[in-house]
Amino acid sequence: MTGVPENDKRCPVCGGRLHAGEATIPYVLGDDVVVVVKCVPSEICSDCREAFTEGVVTDRIIDMIRQLKYLGSEVSVITYSEYEPV
């Protein structure tokens, strides 16, 4: 047991309650936006609206960004649920 009830997760940024949902998350590299990913499964803070993803989701997004960089894309908007690994 972790000692923290599943429904009482707290935001590490502001301490607000986290709830499951979908977020639109911009990923940046330096000063340039690399990709905006819509419909990302996340834990979202009810106070500051910061979104947090699980490791599997983060790994998949990293793979998506690598593929876009390989294609030479500078700015892209994609939907997480439509992504299929190559």
C-alpha atoms as a PDB file:
ATOM      1  CA  MET A   1       0.000   0.000   0.000  1.00  0.00           C
ATOM      2  CA  THR A   2       1.193   3.498  -0.776  1.00  0.00           C
ATOM      3  CA  GLY A   3      -0.817   5.176   1.972  1.00  0.00           C
ATOM      4  CA  VAL A   4      -2.435   7.576  -0.536  1.00  0.00           C
ATOM      5  CA  PRO A   5      -5.979   6.751  -1.660  1.00  0.00           C
ATOM      6  CA  GLU A   6      -6.281   6.509  -5.456  1.00  0.00           C
ATOM      7  CA  ASN A   7      -8.947   9.233  -5.522  1.00  0.00           C
ATOM      8  CA  ASP A   8      -6.881  11.659  -3.421  1.00  0.00           C
ATOM      9  CA  LYS A   9      -3.919  12.252  -5.738  1.00  0.00           C
ATOM     10  CA  ARG A  10      -2.387  15.706  -5.360  1.00  0.00           C
ATOM     11  CA  CYS A  11      -0.679  18.002  -7.844  1.00  0.00           C
ATOM     12  CA  PRO A  12       3.063  18.276  -7.197  1.00  0.00           C
ATOM     13  CA  VAL A  13       2.966  21.884  -8.494  1.00  0.00           C
ATOM     14  CA  CYS A  14       0.189  23.453  -6.388  1.00  0.00           C
ATOM     15  CA  GLY A  15      -1.294  20.685  -4.214  1.00  0.00           C
ATOM     16  CA  GLY A  16      -4.686  20.655  -5.963  1.00  0.00           C
ATOM     17  CA  ARG A  17      -6.584  17.442  -6.575  1.00  0.00           C
ATOM     18  CA  LEU A  18      -5.796  15.422  -9.689  1.00  0.00           C
ATOM     19  CA  HIS A  19      -8.514  13.837 -11.811  1.00  0.00           C
ATOM     20  CA  ALA A  20      -8.388  11.653 -14.910  1.00  0.00           C
ATOM     21  CA  GLY A  21      -9.064  13.341 -18.221  1.00  0.00           C
ATOM     22  CA  GLU A  22      -7.643  14.306 -21.596  1.00  0.00           C
ATOM     23  CA  ALA A  23      -5.351  17.273 -22.158  1.00  0.00           C
ATOM     24  CA  THR A  24      -3.855  19.199 -25.048  1.00  0.00           C
ATOM     25  CA  ILE A  25      -0.142  19.421 -24.383  1.00  0.00           C
ATOM     26  CA  PRO A  26       2.455  21.490 -26.255  1.00  0.00           C
ATOM     27  CA  TYR A  27       5.947  20.025 -26.337  1.00  0.00           C
ATOM     28  CA  VAL A  28       8.746  22.522 -26.866  1.00  0.00           C
ATOM     29  CA  LEU A  29      12.393  22.298 -27.811  1.00  0.00           C
ATOM     30  CA  GLY A  30      14.324  25.462 -27.119  1.00  0.00           C
ATOM     31  CA  ASP A  31      12.156  28.402 -28.151  1.00  0.00           C
ATOM     32  CA  ASP A  32      10.281  26.515 -30.892  1.00  0.00           C
ATOM     33  CA  VAL A  33       7.095  24.493 -30.474  1.00  0.00           C
ATOM     34  CA  VAL A  34       7.775  21.019 -31.808  1.00  0.00           C
ATOM     35  CA  VAL A  35       4.336  19.474 -31.520  1.00  0.00           C
ATOM     36  CA  VAL A  36       0.950  20.003 -29.912  1.00  0.00           C
ATOM     37  CA  VAL A  37      -0.661  16.713 -28.953  1.00  0.00           C
ATOM     38  CA  LYS A  38      -4.426  16.696 -28.418  1.00  0.00           C
ATOM     39  CA  CYS A  39      -6.491  14.186 -26.428  1.00  0.00           C
ATOM     40  CA  VAL A  40      -3.600  12.971 -24.255  1.00  0.00           C
ATOM     41  CA  PRO A  41      -4.762  10.706 -21.394  1.00  0.00           C
ATOM     42  CA  SER A  42      -3.627  12.576 -18.291  1.00  0.00           C
ATOM     43  CA  GLU A  43      -4.102  13.330 -14.626  1.00  0.00           C
ATOM     44  CA  ILE A  44      -5.193  16.997 -14.581  1.00  0.00           C
ATOM     45  CA  CYS A  45      -5.023  19.351 -11.608  1.00  0.00           C
ATOM     46  CA  SER A  46      -8.384  20.870 -10.739  1.00  0.00           C
ATOM     47  CA  ASP A  47      -6.673  24.082  -9.539  1.00  0.00           C
ATOM     48  CA  CYS A  48      -3.736  24.947 -11.828  1.00  0.00           C
ATOM     49  CA  ARG A  49      -4.836  22.731 -14.790  1.00  0.00           C
ATOM     50  CA  GLU A  50      -1.342  21.223 -15.122  1.00  0.00           C
ATOM     51  CA  ALA A  51      -1.474  17.836 -16.882  1.00  0.00           C
ATOM     52  CA  PHE A  52       0.609  14.815 -15.878  1.00  0.00           C
ATOM     53  CA  THR A  53       1.049  11.682 -17.995  1.00  0.00           C
ATOM     54  CA  GLU A  54       1.958   8.110 -17.107  1.00  0.00           C
ATOM     55  CA  GLY A  55       5.239   6.650 -18.333  1.00  0.00           C
ATOM     56  CA  VAL A  56       3.666   4.612 -21.135  1.00  0.00           C
ATOM     57  CA  VAL A  57       1.889   7.703 -22.506  1.00  0.00           C
ATOM     58  CA  THR A  58       5.063   9.786 -22.248  1.00  0.00           C
ATOM     59  CA  ASP A  59       7.083   7.092 -24.053  1.00  0.00           C
ATOM     60  CA  ARG A  60       4.543   7.007 -26.882  1.00  0.00           C
ATOM     61  CA  ILE A  61       4.608  10.809 -27.233  1.00  0.00           C
ATOM     62  CA  ILE A  62       8.424  10.798 -27.332  1.00  0.00           C
ATOM     63  CA  ASP A  63       8.231   8.262 -30.166  1.00  0.00           C
ATOM     64  CA  MET A  64       5.735  10.501 -31.994  1.00  0.00           C
ATOM     65  CA  ILE A  65       8.022  13.539 -31.640  1.00  0.00           C
ATOM     66  CA  ARG A  66      11.024  11.559 -32.888  1.00  0.00           C
ATOM     67  CA  GLN A  67       9.096  10.527 -35.995  1.00  0.00           C
ATOM     68  CA  LEU A  68       8.009  14.110 -36.660  1.00  0.00           C
ATOM     69  CA  LYS A  69      11.591  15.366 -36.268  1.00  0.00           C
ATOM     70  CA  TYR A  70      12.743  12.645 -38.691  1.00  0.00           C
ATOM     71  CA  LEU A  71      10.203  13.944 -41.207  1.00  0.00           C
ATOM     72  CA  GLY A  72      11.566  17.450 -40.765  1.00  0.00           C
ATOM     73  CA  SER A  73       8.399  18.819 -39.185  1.00  0.00           C
ATOM     74  CA  GLU A  74       8.926  22.059 -37.273  1.00  0.00           C
ATOM     75  CA  VAL A  75       5.407  22.529 -35.893  1.00  0.00           C
ATOM     76  CA  SER A  76       2.670  19.891 -35.892  1.00  0.00           C
ATOM     77  CA  VAL A  77      -0.720  19.374 -34.263  1.00  0.00           C
ATOM     78  CA  ILE A  78      -1.647  15.725 -33.823  1.00  0.00           C
ATOM     79  CA  THR A  79      -4.182  13.688 -31.887  1.00  0.00           C
ATOM     80  CA  TYR A  80      -2.849  11.091 -29.468  1.00  0.00           C
ATOM     81  CA  SER A  81      -5.597   8.522 -30.146  1.00  0.00           C
ATOM     82  CA  GLU A  82      -4.930   8.550 -33.895  1.00  0.00           C
ATOM     83  CA  TYR A  83      -1.254   7.735 -33.500  1.00  0.00           C
ATOM     84  CA  GLU A  84      -0.131   4.248 -34.509  1.00  0.00           C
ATOM     85  CA  PRO A  85       3.517   3.233 -33.974  1.00  0.00           C
ATOM     86  CA  VAL A  86       5.399   2.379 -37.154  1.00  0.00           C
END
